[in-house]
Amino acid sequence: MYYSDEIIEEVRSKNDIVDVISGYVKLKKQGSSYFGLCPFHSEKSPSFSVSRDKQMYYCFGCGAGGNVFTFIMEYENYSFVEALKFLAQRAGVELPQEEYSKEAKERADTRSALLEMNKLAAKYYYAQLKTDGGRQASQGGAGVPGDEKGAFQHRSGYGISTPLPGAGKRQSYGGEVL
């Protein structure tokens, strides 16, 4: 779906970056900026900076940076359109709706289900990195990044030889999607 630059700008302007990010990260005002612990890598001292004036964020530790859309896209693992819809709903901005044919709606529903399944699998495999087997694999050179920052940036995870427990059953995905 195509959204005009005016709609995108309206959504961006109604979602102050400090307000949005403070829902995810505890921020403390220092001068004209806000600082907190970066949500994209492990750190002990705050290097994550958010500027209300510039409506931008930047981490001096890992280099992550961007605007309110890129933050939501990275943190929530959303596409741009998903982030736009999320922020529009948050700000009470109504986005224009496209009329779908039956076939187009089915394709969109299938795509949405596949994306959701992919996100669930990614979360599962990322969580496996924190298990004993995942820690051993990351230390043993099994092709798994050795630190959480690398694993998050590369969307890596650790897979065990058993299938995902209840794969697809909780969400009741159809057999053709699985």
N, C-alpha and C. Protein backbone atom coordinates (compact mmCIF):
# COMPACT_ATOMS: atom_id res chain seq x y z
N MET A 1 0.85 -1.18 0.00
CA MET A 1 0.00 0.00 0.00
C MET A 1 0.88 1.23 0.00
N TYR A 2 0.52 2.20 -0.80
CA TYR A 2 1.25 3.45 -0.90
C TYR A 2 0.60 4.49 0.00
N TYR A 3 1.44 5.18 0.78
CA TYR A 3 0.96 6.29 1.60
C TYR A 3 1.71 7.54 1.18
N SER A 4 0.99 8.63 1.08
CA SER A 4 1.60 9.88 0.62
C SER A 4 2.59 10.41 1.66
N ASP A 5 3.50 11.25 1.18
CA ASP A 5 4.48 11.88 2.07
C ASP A 5 3.79 12.72 3.14
N GLU A 6 2.65 13.32 2.79
CA GLU A 6 1.92 14.15 3.75
C GLU A 6 1.40 13.31 4.91
N ILE A 7 0.87 12.12 4.60
CA ILE A 7 0.36 11.23 5.66
C ILE A 7 1.52 10.76 6.54
N ILE A 8 2.62 10.36 5.90
CA ILE A 8 3.79 9.89 6.65
C ILE A 8 4.31 10.99 7.57
N GLU A 9 4.39 12.20 7.06
CA GLU A 9 4.87 13.33 7.88
C GLU A 9 3.90 13.64 9.02
N GLU A 10 2.60 13.53 8.77
CA GLU A 10 1.61 13.77 9.83
C GLU A 10 1.78 12.75 10.96
N VAL A 11 1.97 11.49 10.60
CA VAL A 11 2.17 10.45 11.61
C VAL A 11 3.46 10.71 12.39
N ARG A 12 4.54 11.03 11.67
CA ARG A 12 5.82 11.30 12.33
C ARG A 12 5.70 12.49 13.28
N SER A 13 5.06 13.56 12.83
CA SER A 13 4.98 14.77 13.65
C SER A 13 4.10 14.59 14.89
N LYS A 14 3.17 13.66 14.84
CA LYS A 14 2.29 13.42 15.99
C LYS A 14 2.83 12.37 16.95
N ASN A 15 4.02 11.84 16.66
CA ASN A 15 4.67 10.87 17.53
C ASN A 15 6.04 11.40 17.93
N ASP A 16 6.07 12.17 19.01
CA ASP A 16 7.34 12.70 19.49
C ASP A 16 8.26 11.55 19.84
N ILE A 17 9.48 11.60 19.33
CA ILE A 17 10.41 10.47 19.48
C ILE A 17 10.74 10.19 20.95
N VAL A 18 10.84 11.22 21.77
CA VAL A 18 11.13 11.00 23.20
C VAL A 18 9.97 10.27 23.86
N ASP A 19 8.75 10.67 23.54
CA ASP A 19 7.58 10.00 24.12
C ASP A 19 7.50 8.54 23.69
N VAL A 20 7.75 8.27 22.41
CA VAL A 20 7.67 6.91 21.90
C VAL A 20 8.76 6.04 22.53
N ILE A 21 10.01 6.49 22.45
CA ILE A 21 11.13 5.67 22.94
C ILE A 21 11.06 5.49 24.46
N SER A 22 10.57 6.50 25.18
CA SER A 22 10.49 6.35 26.64
C SER A 22 9.49 5.27 27.05
N GLY A 23 8.66 4.82 26.12
CA GLY A 23 7.79 3.68 26.38
C GLY A 23 8.55 2.36 26.35
N TYR A 24 9.77 2.38 25.82
CA TYR A 24 10.60 1.19 25.70
C TYR A 24 11.88 1.27 26.54
N VAL A 25 12.39 2.48 26.69
CA VAL A 25 13.69 2.69 27.34
C VAL A 25 13.53 3.77 28.40
N LYS A 26 14.11 3.55 29.57
CA LYS A 26 14.09 4.58 30.60
C LYS A 26 15.09 5.66 30.19
N LEU A 27 14.60 6.87 29.97
CA LEU A 27 15.43 7.97 29.52
C LEU A 27 15.60 9.02 30.62
N LYS A 28 16.78 9.61 30.65
CA LYS A 28 17.08 10.67 31.62
C LYS A 28 17.57 11.89 30.85
N LYS A 29 17.01 13.06 31.16
CA LYS A 29 17.38 14.28 30.45
C LYS A 29 18.76 14.75 30.91
N GLN A 30 19.62 15.03 29.92
CA GLN A 30 20.95 15.58 30.17
C GLN A 30 21.17 16.68 29.13
N GLY A 31 21.07 17.92 29.56
CA GLY A 31 21.17 19.03 28.61
C GLY A 31 19.93 19.05 27.73
N SER A 32 20.15 19.14 26.42
CA SER A 32 19.00 19.16 25.50
C SER A 32 18.63 17.77 25.00
N SER A 33 19.40 16.75 25.39
CA SER A 33 19.13 15.38 24.94
C SER A 33 18.70 14.50 26.10
N TYR A 34 18.25 13.30 25.75
CA TYR A 34 17.87 12.30 26.72
C TYR A 34 18.77 11.09 26.51
N PHE A 35 19.18 10.45 27.60
CA PHE A 35 20.07 9.29 27.51
C PHE A 35 19.49 8.11 28.27
N GLY A 36 19.82 6.92 27.77
CA GLY A 36 19.41 5.69 28.42
C GLY A 36 20.26 4.54 27.92
N LEU A 37 19.98 3.35 28.45
CA LEU A 37 20.68 2.15 28.00
C LEU A 37 20.12 1.72 26.64
N CYS A 38 20.99 1.41 25.73
CA CYS A 38 20.58 1.05 24.37
C CYS A 38 19.79 -0.26 24.38
N PRO A 39 18.62 -0.27 23.73
CA PRO A 39 17.84 -1.51 23.67
C PRO A 39 18.36 -2.50 22.63
N PHE A 40 19.37 -2.09 21.85
CA PHE A 40 19.85 -2.92 20.75
C PHE A 40 21.14 -3.67 21.07
N HIS A 41 21.73 -3.40 22.23
CA HIS A 41 22.88 -4.17 22.67
C HIS A 41 23.02 -4.04 24.19
N SER A 42 23.78 -4.94 24.79
CA SER A 42 23.97 -4.92 26.24
C SER A 42 25.01 -3.87 26.60
N GLU A 43 24.70 -3.06 27.59
CA GLU A 43 25.66 -2.07 28.07
C GLU A 43 25.34 -1.73 29.52
N LYS A 44 26.36 -1.21 30.20
CA LYS A 44 26.18 -0.86 31.61
C LYS A 44 26.02 0.64 31.82
N SER A 45 26.62 1.44 30.94
CA SER A 45 26.47 2.90 31.06
C SER A 45 25.73 3.42 29.83
N PRO A 46 24.84 4.38 30.04
CA PRO A 46 23.99 4.87 28.95
C PRO A 46 24.78 5.52 27.81
N SER A 47 24.59 4.99 26.60
CA SER A 47 25.20 5.61 25.42
C SER A 47 24.15 5.85 24.34
N PHE A 48 22.89 5.65 24.69
CA PHE A 48 21.78 5.80 23.76
C PHE A 48 21.19 7.19 23.93
N SER A 49 21.32 8.02 22.91
CA SER A 49 20.92 9.42 22.97
C SER A 49 19.68 9.66 22.11
N VAL A 50 18.73 10.43 22.65
CA VAL A 50 17.51 10.78 21.92
C VAL A 50 17.38 12.31 21.95
N SER A 51 17.20 12.89 20.77
CA SER A 51 17.08 14.35 20.65
C SER A 51 15.66 14.73 20.26
N ARG A 52 14.99 15.47 21.15
CA ARG A 52 13.64 15.94 20.85
C ARG A 52 13.69 16.99 19.74
N ASP A 53 14.71 17.86 19.75
CA ASP A 53 14.83 18.91 18.74
C ASP A 53 15.00 18.34 17.34
N LYS A 54 15.83 17.32 17.22
CA LYS A 54 16.12 16.73 15.90
C LYS A 54 15.18 15.58 15.56
N GLN A 55 14.42 15.08 16.56
CA GLN A 55 13.56 13.92 16.39
C GLN A 55 14.35 12.72 15.86
N MET A 56 15.53 12.51 16.47
CA MET A 56 16.43 11.43 16.07
C MET A 56 16.97 10.74 17.32
N TYR A 57 17.43 9.49 17.15
CA TYR A 57 18.14 8.78 18.21
C TYR A 57 19.45 8.28 17.65
N TYR A 58 20.43 8.07 18.55
CA TYR A 58 21.72 7.52 18.14
C TYR A 58 22.36 6.83 19.34
N CYS A 59 22.95 5.67 19.10
CA CYS A 59 23.70 4.96 20.14
C CYS A 59 25.18 5.09 19.82
N PHE A 60 25.91 5.65 20.75
CA PHE A 60 27.36 5.81 20.57
C PHE A 60 28.10 4.49 20.76
N GLY A 61 27.41 3.48 21.29
CA GLY A 61 28.03 2.18 21.50
C GLY A 61 27.97 1.28 20.28
N CYS A 62 26.79 1.17 19.68
CA CYS A 62 26.63 0.23 18.55
C CYS A 62 26.35 0.92 17.22
N GLY A 63 26.11 2.23 17.25
CA GLY A 63 25.90 2.96 16.01
C GLY A 63 24.46 2.96 15.51
N ALA A 64 23.55 2.34 16.25
CA ALA A 64 22.14 2.35 15.83
C ALA A 64 21.63 3.79 15.88
N GLY A 65 20.84 4.15 14.90
CA GLY A 65 20.31 5.50 14.90
C GLY A 65 19.20 5.64 13.88
N GLY A 66 18.44 6.72 14.02
CA GLY A 66 17.37 6.97 13.06
C GLY A 66 16.28 7.82 13.66
N ASN A 67 15.09 7.70 13.06
CA ASN A 67 13.94 8.48 13.52
C ASN A 67 12.93 7.56 14.21
N VAL A 68 11.75 8.06 14.47
CA VAL A 68 10.75 7.29 15.21
C VAL A 68 10.34 6.03 14.43
N PHE A 69 10.29 6.12 13.10
CA PHE A 69 9.94 4.95 12.30
C PHE A 69 11.01 3.87 12.39
N THR A 70 12.28 4.27 12.24
CA THR A 70 13.35 3.27 12.27
C THR A 70 13.47 2.64 13.66
N PHE A 71 13.20 3.40 14.71
CA PHE A 71 13.24 2.81 16.05
C PHE A 71 12.20 1.70 16.18
N ILE A 72 10.96 2.00 15.80
CA ILE A 72 9.89 1.00 15.90
C ILE A 72 10.18 -0.18 14.99
N MET A 73 10.70 0.08 13.80
CA MET A 73 11.04 -1.01 12.87
C MET A 73 12.09 -1.92 13.47
N GLU A 74 13.13 -1.35 14.07
CA GLU A 74 14.21 -2.15 14.65
C GLU A 74 13.76 -2.86 15.93
N TYR A 75 13.11 -2.11 16.82
CA TYR A 75 12.76 -2.68 18.11
C TYR A 75 11.68 -3.76 17.99
N GLU A 76 10.66 -3.47 17.21
CA GLU A 76 9.53 -4.39 17.08
C GLU A 76 9.69 -5.36 15.91
N ASN A 77 10.76 -5.19 15.13
CA ASN A 77 10.99 -6.01 13.93
C ASN A 77 9.82 -5.86 12.95
N TYR A 78 9.40 -4.61 12.74
CA TYR A 78 8.30 -4.28 11.83
C TYR A 78 8.84 -3.81 10.50
N SER A 79 8.03 -3.98 9.47
CA SER A 79 8.30 -3.34 8.18
C SER A 79 7.94 -1.86 8.33
N PHE A 80 8.27 -1.06 7.31
CA PHE A 80 7.92 0.36 7.39
C PHE A 80 6.41 0.54 7.49
N VAL A 81 5.66 -0.19 6.69
CA VAL A 81 4.20 -0.04 6.69
C VAL A 81 3.63 -0.46 8.05
N GLU A 82 4.16 -1.53 8.64
CA GLU A 82 3.69 -1.95 9.96
C GLU A 82 4.00 -0.88 11.01
N ALA A 83 5.19 -0.29 10.93
CA ALA A 83 5.56 0.78 11.87
C ALA A 83 4.66 2.00 11.66
N LEU A 84 4.38 2.33 10.41
CA LEU A 84 3.50 3.47 10.11
C LEU A 84 2.12 3.23 10.69
N LYS A 85 1.57 2.05 10.50
CA LYS A 85 0.24 1.73 11.04
C LYS A 85 0.24 1.77 12.57
N PHE A 86 1.29 1.21 13.18
CA PHE A 86 1.40 1.21 14.64
C PHE A 86 1.42 2.64 15.18
N LEU A 87 2.26 3.49 14.58
CA LEU A 87 2.39 4.87 15.05
C LEU A 87 1.15 5.69 14.72
N ALA A 88 0.51 5.41 13.60
CA ALA A 88 -0.73 6.12 13.25
C ALA A 88 -1.81 5.80 14.27
N GLN A 89 -1.93 4.53 14.64
CA GLN A 89 -2.92 4.14 15.64
C GLN A 89 -2.61 4.80 16.99
N ARG A 90 -1.33 4.83 17.34
CA ARG A 90 -0.90 5.44 18.60
C ARG A 90 -1.27 6.93 18.65
N ALA A 91 -1.15 7.60 17.51
CA ALA A 91 -1.41 9.05 17.45
C ALA A 91 -2.85 9.39 17.06
N GLY A 92 -3.64 8.38 16.75
CA GLY A 92 -5.02 8.62 16.36
C GLY A 92 -5.16 9.18 14.96
N VAL A 93 -4.21 8.86 14.09
CA VAL A 93 -4.28 9.30 12.69
C VAL A 93 -4.90 8.18 11.88
N GLU A 94 -5.94 8.50 11.12
CA GLU A 94 -6.59 7.49 10.30
C GLU A 94 -5.89 7.40 8.95
N LEU A 95 -5.44 6.22 8.63
CA LEU A 95 -4.77 5.99 7.36
C LEU A 95 -5.80 5.60 6.31
N PRO A 96 -5.60 6.05 5.06
CA PRO A 96 -6.54 5.64 4.00
C PRO A 96 -6.48 4.14 3.79
N GLN A 97 -7.63 3.53 3.58
CA GLN A 97 -7.71 2.08 3.39
C GLN A 97 -7.91 1.77 1.92
N GLU A 98 -7.22 0.74 1.47
CA GLU A 98 -7.34 0.30 0.08
C GLU A 98 -8.36 -0.83 0.03
N GLU A 99 -9.19 -0.81 -0.99
CA GLU A 99 -10.15 -1.89 -1.18
C GLU A 99 -9.43 -3.07 -1.83
N TYR A 100 -9.61 -4.25 -1.30
CA TYR A 100 -8.97 -5.45 -1.82
C TYR A 100 -9.99 -6.34 -2.52
N SER A 101 -9.53 -6.97 -3.57
CA SER A 101 -10.33 -8.04 -4.16
C SER A 101 -10.21 -9.25 -3.24
N LYS A 102 -11.03 -10.25 -3.45
CA LYS A 102 -10.97 -11.46 -2.61
C LYS A 102 -9.60 -12.11 -2.70
N GLU A 103 -9.05 -12.20 -3.91
CA GLU A 103 -7.74 -12.82 -4.12
C GLU A 103 -6.63 -12.00 -3.45
N ALA A 104 -6.70 -10.69 -3.60
CA ALA A 104 -5.68 -9.82 -3.00
C ALA A 104 -5.73 -9.90 -1.48
N LYS A 105 -6.94 -9.98 -0.91
CA LYS A 105 -7.08 -10.10 0.53
C LYS A 105 -6.50 -11.43 1.02
N GLU A 106 -6.76 -12.51 0.28
CA GLU A 106 -6.20 -13.82 0.65
C GLU A 106 -4.68 -13.79 0.62
N ARG A 107 -4.10 -13.17 -0.43
CA ARG A 107 -2.64 -13.05 -0.52
C ARG A 107 -2.10 -12.23 0.64
N ALA A 108 -2.77 -11.13 0.95
CA ALA A 108 -2.32 -10.27 2.05
C ALA A 108 -2.42 -11.02 3.38
N ASP A 109 -3.49 -11.77 3.58
CA ASP A 109 -3.65 -12.55 4.82
C ASP A 109 -2.57 -13.62 4.94
N THR A 110 -2.27 -14.31 3.82
CA THR A 110 -1.23 -15.34 3.82
C THR A 110 0.12 -14.72 4.13
N ARG A 111 0.41 -13.59 3.49
CA ARG A 111 1.68 -12.90 3.72
C ARG A 111 1.80 -12.47 5.18
N SER A 112 0.73 -11.94 5.72
CA SER A 112 0.72 -11.51 7.11
C SER A 112 0.96 -12.70 8.04
N ALA A 113 0.32 -13.83 7.77
CA ALA A 113 0.51 -15.02 8.59
C ALA A 113 1.96 -15.51 8.51
N LEU A 114 2.53 -15.50 7.30
CA LEU A 114 3.92 -15.92 7.13
C LEU A 114 4.88 -15.00 7.89
N LEU A 115 4.64 -13.71 7.82
CA LEU A 115 5.49 -12.76 8.55
C LEU A 115 5.39 -12.99 10.05
N GLU A 116 4.18 -13.21 10.54
CA GLU A 116 3.99 -13.44 11.97
C GLU A 116 4.68 -14.73 12.41
N MET A 117 4.56 -15.79 11.59
CA MET A 117 5.24 -17.05 11.91
C MET A 117 6.75 -16.85 11.92
N ASN A 118 7.26 -16.09 10.96
CA ASN A 118 8.69 -15.82 10.89
C ASN A 118 9.16 -15.07 12.12
N LYS A 119 8.39 -14.10 12.57
CA LYS A 119 8.76 -13.34 13.77
C LYS A 119 8.77 -14.25 15.00
N LEU A 120 7.77 -15.13 15.11
CA LEU A 120 7.72 -16.06 16.24
C LEU A 120 8.93 -17.00 16.23
N ALA A 121 9.27 -17.50 15.05
CA ALA A 121 10.43 -18.39 14.94
C ALA A 121 11.71 -17.65 15.29
N ALA A 122 11.84 -16.41 14.82
CA ALA A 122 13.04 -15.62 15.11
C ALA A 122 13.18 -15.39 16.61
N LYS A 123 12.09 -15.07 17.28
CA LYS A 123 12.12 -14.87 18.73
C LYS A 123 12.52 -16.16 19.44
N TYR A 124 11.98 -17.28 18.98
CA TYR A 124 12.29 -18.57 19.58
C TYR A 124 13.78 -18.89 19.46
N TYR A 125 14.33 -18.77 18.25
CA TYR A 125 15.73 -19.12 18.04
C TYR A 125 16.67 -18.12 18.73
N TYR A 126 16.26 -16.86 18.80
CA TYR A 126 17.06 -15.88 19.53
C TYR A 126 17.09 -16.25 21.01
N ALA A 127 15.94 -16.66 21.54
CA ALA A 127 15.87 -17.06 22.96
C ALA A 127 16.73 -18.30 23.21
N GLN A 128 16.88 -19.17 22.22
CA GLN A 128 17.69 -20.38 22.38
C GLN A 128 19.16 -20.04 22.58
N LEU A 129 19.60 -18.86 22.11
CA LEU A 129 20.98 -18.44 22.34
C LEU A 129 21.29 -18.32 23.83
N LYS A 130 20.28 -18.07 24.64
CA LYS A 130 20.48 -17.87 26.07
C LYS A 130 20.45 -19.19 26.85
N THR A 131 20.16 -20.30 26.17
CA THR A 131 20.18 -21.61 26.84
C THR A 131 21.62 -22.10 26.92
N ASP A 132 21.83 -23.17 27.67
CA ASP A 132 23.18 -23.74 27.79
C ASP A 132 23.73 -24.13 26.41
N GLY A 133 22.91 -24.79 25.60
CA GLY A 133 23.35 -25.19 24.27
C GLY A 133 23.69 -24.00 23.39
N GLY A 134 22.90 -22.94 23.49
CA GLY A 134 23.15 -21.74 22.69
C GLY A 134 24.43 -21.05 23.11
N ARG A 135 24.68 -20.99 24.41
CA ARG A 135 25.93 -20.37 24.89
C ARG A 135 27.13 -21.18 24.44
N GLN A 136 27.02 -22.51 24.50
CA GLN A 136 28.13 -23.36 24.06
C GLN A 136 28.38 -23.18 22.56
N ALA A 137 27.33 -23.08 21.78
CA ALA A 137 27.48 -22.91 20.33
C ALA A 137 28.13 -21.58 20.00
N SER A 138 27.74 -20.52 20.73
CA SER A 138 28.31 -19.21 20.43
C SER A 138 29.77 -19.12 20.87
N GLN A 139 30.16 -19.91 21.87
CA GLN A 139 31.56 -19.91 22.31
C GLN A 139 32.40 -20.91 21.53
N GLY A 140 31.74 -21.89 20.91
CA GLY A 140 32.46 -22.95 20.23
C GLY A 140 32.66 -22.71 18.75
N GLY A 141 32.34 -21.52 18.25
CA GLY A 141 32.58 -21.22 16.85
C GLY A 141 31.65 -21.95 15.90
N ALA A 142 30.41 -22.16 16.30
CA ALA A 142 29.47 -22.88 15.44
C ALA A 142 28.78 -21.94 14.46
N GLY A 143 29.42 -20.82 14.14
CA GLY A 143 28.83 -19.88 13.21
C GLY A 143 27.83 -18.94 13.84
N VAL A 144 27.73 -18.96 15.15
CA VAL A 144 26.80 -18.09 15.87
C VAL A 144 27.60 -16.93 16.42
N PRO A 145 27.14 -15.67 16.20
CA PRO A 145 27.88 -14.54 16.75
C PRO A 145 28.07 -14.72 18.25
N GLY A 146 29.25 -14.39 18.75
CA GLY A 146 29.60 -14.63 20.14
C GLY A 146 29.02 -13.66 21.14
N ASP A 147 28.39 -12.60 20.69
CA ASP A 147 27.82 -11.67 21.64
C ASP A 147 26.38 -11.34 21.27
N GLU A 148 25.64 -10.82 22.24
CA GLU A 148 24.23 -10.53 22.03
C GLU A 148 24.04 -9.44 20.98
N LYS A 149 24.94 -8.45 20.94
CA LYS A 149 24.84 -7.38 19.95
C LYS A 149 24.92 -7.96 18.54
N GLY A 150 25.88 -8.83 18.31
CA GLY A 150 26.04 -9.43 16.98
C GLY A 150 24.85 -10.30 16.62
N ALA A 151 24.35 -11.05 17.58
CA ALA A 151 23.20 -11.91 17.32
C ALA A 151 21.98 -11.08 16.98
N PHE A 152 21.77 -9.97 17.70
CA PHE A 152 20.60 -9.13 17.45
C PHE A 152 20.73 -8.44 16.10
N GLN A 153 21.90 -7.87 15.81
CA GLN A 153 22.08 -7.14 14.55
C GLN A 153 21.92 -8.05 13.35
N HIS A 154 22.37 -9.30 13.46
CA HIS A 154 22.32 -10.22 12.33
C HIS A 154 21.09 -11.11 12.39
N ARG A 155 20.20 -10.85 13.36
CA ARG A 155 18.99 -11.64 13.53
C ARG A 155 19.33 -13.13 13.61
N SER A 156 20.38 -13.44 14.38
CA SER A 156 20.83 -14.81 14.52
C SER A 156 20.14 -15.48 15.68
N GLY A 157 20.20 -16.78 15.67
CA GLY A 157 19.66 -17.57 16.76
C GLY A 157 20.36 -18.91 16.79
N TYR A 158 19.91 -19.76 17.67
CA TYR A 158 20.50 -21.09 17.81
C TYR A 158 19.38 -22.10 17.68
N GLY A 159 19.55 -23.06 16.78
CA GLY A 159 18.54 -24.08 16.57
C GLY A 159 18.99 -25.41 17.12
N ILE A 160 18.10 -26.02 17.85
CA ILE A 160 18.37 -27.36 18.35
C ILE A 160 17.79 -28.36 17.35
N SER A 161 18.11 -29.62 17.49
CA SER A 161 17.71 -30.61 16.50
C SER A 161 16.24 -31.02 16.62
N THR A 162 15.55 -30.52 17.62
CA THR A 162 14.13 -30.83 17.74
C THR A 162 13.32 -29.67 17.16
N PRO A 163 12.11 -29.96 16.64
CA PRO A 163 11.31 -28.89 16.04
C PRO A 163 10.78 -27.92 17.09
N LEU A 164 10.34 -26.77 16.63
CA LEU A 164 9.72 -25.80 17.52
C LEU A 164 8.53 -26.44 18.20
N PRO A 165 8.42 -26.29 19.51
CA PRO A 165 7.29 -26.90 20.22
C PRO A 165 5.98 -26.27 19.76
N GLY A 166 5.03 -27.09 19.31
CA GLY A 166 3.72 -26.60 18.92
C GLY A 166 3.75 -25.65 17.74
N ALA A 167 4.71 -25.80 16.84
CA ALA A 167 4.86 -24.87 15.73
C ALA A 167 3.56 -24.71 14.96
N GLY A 168 3.07 -23.50 14.94
CA GLY A 168 1.88 -23.17 14.17
C GLY A 168 0.57 -23.53 14.83
N LYS A 169 0.59 -24.33 15.87
CA LYS A 169 -0.67 -24.79 16.46
C LYS A 169 -1.31 -23.72 17.34
N ARG A 170 -0.49 -22.97 18.09
CA ARG A 170 -1.05 -21.94 18.96
C ARG A 170 -1.79 -20.87 18.18
N GLN A 171 -1.26 -20.51 17.03
CA GLN A 171 -1.85 -19.44 16.23
C GLN A 171 -2.87 -19.97 15.22
N SER A 172 -3.05 -21.26 15.17
CA SER A 172 -3.95 -21.94 14.24
C SER A 172 -3.75 -21.51 12.80
N TYR A 173 -2.50 -21.60 12.35
CA TYR A 173 -2.20 -21.34 10.95
C TYR A 173 -2.66 -22.54 10.13
N GLY A 174 -3.16 -22.27 8.96
CA GLY A 174 -3.62 -23.34 8.09
C GLY A 174 -2.46 -24.18 7.57
N GLY A 175 -2.75 -25.40 7.19
CA GLY A 175 -1.73 -26.32 6.68
C GLY A 175 -1.03 -25.80 5.44
N GLU A 176 -1.75 -25.07 4.58
CA GLU A 176 -1.11 -24.55 3.36
C GLU A 176 -0.09 -23.47 3.69
N VAL A 177 -0.26 -22.76 4.79
CA VAL A 177 0.71 -21.73 5.19
C VAL A 177 1.93 -22.39 5.81
N LEU A 178 1.69 -23.42 6.64
CA LEU A 178 2.79 -24.13 7.28
C LEU A 178 3.56 -24.90 6.24
